[in-house]
Amino acid sequence: MSPLSITSRTLAAALGGYGLASLSAMALAVTLPMARDQAVIIGIMVALLLCSGAAIWAFSARSAWRAWAGILAPGVLLGGLYLWGLPA
C-alpha cells in the first residue's frame, strides 16, 4: 500500500466518517416518527456506529477509490433523506 493510499484512506475514515455520522444523526432526527428528543438520541447512537463502521470500511476496501465511494454514496442518500424530512 502506497503512502498516498494510506493518507487517502485515513482522510476517508476521519472526514468521511464524521460527515456520514453527522448526516445520519440529522436525517434520523428529522425523519423518525417519534418525539424529537428521542429521535435525536437514537440518531446520535446510530451515528457513532456509522462513524466506526466508516473507519473499518476505509481500510478494508480494495482501493482508496472504493473506500471513498463506499462512504460518499450513503452520505448522499442520508443527505437526501434529511432534505426530504425537513418541514416545508
Protein backbone atom coordinates (compact mmCIF):
# COMPACT_ATOMS: atom_id res chain seq x y z
CA MET A 1 0.00 0.00 0.00
CA SER A 2 1.45 3.36 -1.02
CA PRO A 3 1.71 6.32 1.36
CA LEU A 4 -0.78 8.25 -0.78
CA SER A 5 -3.31 5.43 -0.47
CA ILE A 6 -2.86 5.30 3.28
CA THR A 7 -3.29 9.08 3.53
CA SER A 8 -6.42 8.96 1.38
CA ARG A 9 -7.91 6.14 3.44
CA THR A 10 -7.10 7.96 6.67
CA LEU A 11 -8.85 11.08 5.40
CA ALA A 12 -11.80 8.99 4.23
CA ALA A 13 -12.05 7.38 7.66
CA ALA A 14 -11.74 10.64 9.60
CA LEU A 15 -13.51 13.22 7.44
CA GLY A 16 -15.86 10.87 5.62
CA GLY A 17 -16.78 9.08 8.83
CA TYR A 18 -17.51 12.37 10.55
CA GLY A 19 -19.62 13.58 7.64
CA LEU A 20 -21.51 10.31 7.42
CA ALA A 21 -22.17 10.32 11.15
CA SER A 22 -23.37 13.92 11.09
CA LEU A 23 -25.68 13.33 8.14
CA SER A 24 -27.14 10.19 9.69
CA ALA A 25 -27.81 11.94 13.00
CA MET A 26 -29.54 14.83 11.21
CA ALA A 27 -31.54 12.56 8.89
CA LEU A 28 -32.76 10.29 11.67
CA ALA A 29 -33.61 13.19 13.96
CA VAL A 30 -35.87 14.65 11.27
CA THR A 31 -37.47 11.52 9.84
CA LEU A 32 -38.03 9.11 12.75
CA PRO A 33 -41.72 9.03 13.75
CA MET A 34 -41.30 9.68 17.47
CA ALA A 35 -40.70 12.52 19.88
CA ARG A 36 -37.92 14.80 18.66
CA ASP A 37 -35.68 14.32 21.70
CA GLN A 38 -35.84 10.52 21.41
CA ALA A 39 -35.20 10.71 17.67
CA VAL A 40 -32.10 12.84 18.27
CA ILE A 41 -30.72 10.38 20.83
CA ILE A 42 -31.30 7.41 18.52
CA GLY A 43 -29.75 9.36 15.64
CA ILE A 44 -26.61 10.05 17.66
CA MET A 45 -26.28 6.41 18.74
CA VAL A 46 -26.58 5.23 15.13
CA ALA A 47 -24.10 7.94 14.08
CA LEU A 48 -21.47 6.54 16.45
CA LEU A 49 -21.88 3.11 14.90
CA LEU A 50 -21.64 4.50 11.38
CA CYS A 51 -18.53 6.51 12.20
CA SER A 52 -16.71 3.42 13.42
CA GLY A 53 -18.05 1.40 10.51
CA ALA A 54 -16.76 4.00 8.06
CA ALA A 55 -13.30 3.77 9.58
CA ILE A 56 -13.34 -0.02 9.27
CA TRP A 57 -14.63 0.23 5.70
CA ALA A 58 -11.97 2.75 4.68
CA PHE A 59 -9.18 0.32 5.48
CA SER A 60 -10.88 -2.88 4.35
CA ALA A 61 -11.89 -1.69 0.86
CA ARG A 62 -9.78 -2.89 -2.07
CA SER A 63 -8.75 0.60 -3.13
CA ALA A 64 -8.90 4.14 -1.84
CA TRP A 65 -11.43 4.98 -4.55
CA ARG A 66 -13.78 2.27 -3.30
CA ALA A 67 -13.27 3.47 0.24
CA TRP A 68 -14.35 7.00 -0.70
CA ALA A 69 -17.24 5.73 -2.82
CA GLY A 70 -18.45 3.47 -0.02
CA ILE A 71 -18.55 6.42 2.35
CA LEU A 72 -19.85 9.12 0.00
CA ALA A 73 -22.72 7.10 -1.51
CA PRO A 74 -24.55 6.55 1.80
CA GLY A 75 -23.74 10.16 2.69
CA VAL A 76 -25.56 11.39 -0.40
CA LEU A 77 -28.54 9.16 0.41
CA LEU A 78 -28.65 10.36 4.02
CA GLY A 79 -28.39 13.98 2.87
CA GLY A 80 -31.37 13.43 0.57
CA LEU A 81 -33.29 11.78 3.40
CA TYR A 82 -32.55 14.78 5.61
CA LEU A 83 -33.75 17.26 2.98
CA TRP A 84 -36.84 15.16 2.34
CA GLY A 85 -37.74 15.13 6.04
CA LEU A 86 -37.40 18.89 6.60
CA PRO A 87 -40.68 20.70 7.16
CA ALA A 88 -41.78 22.86 4.24
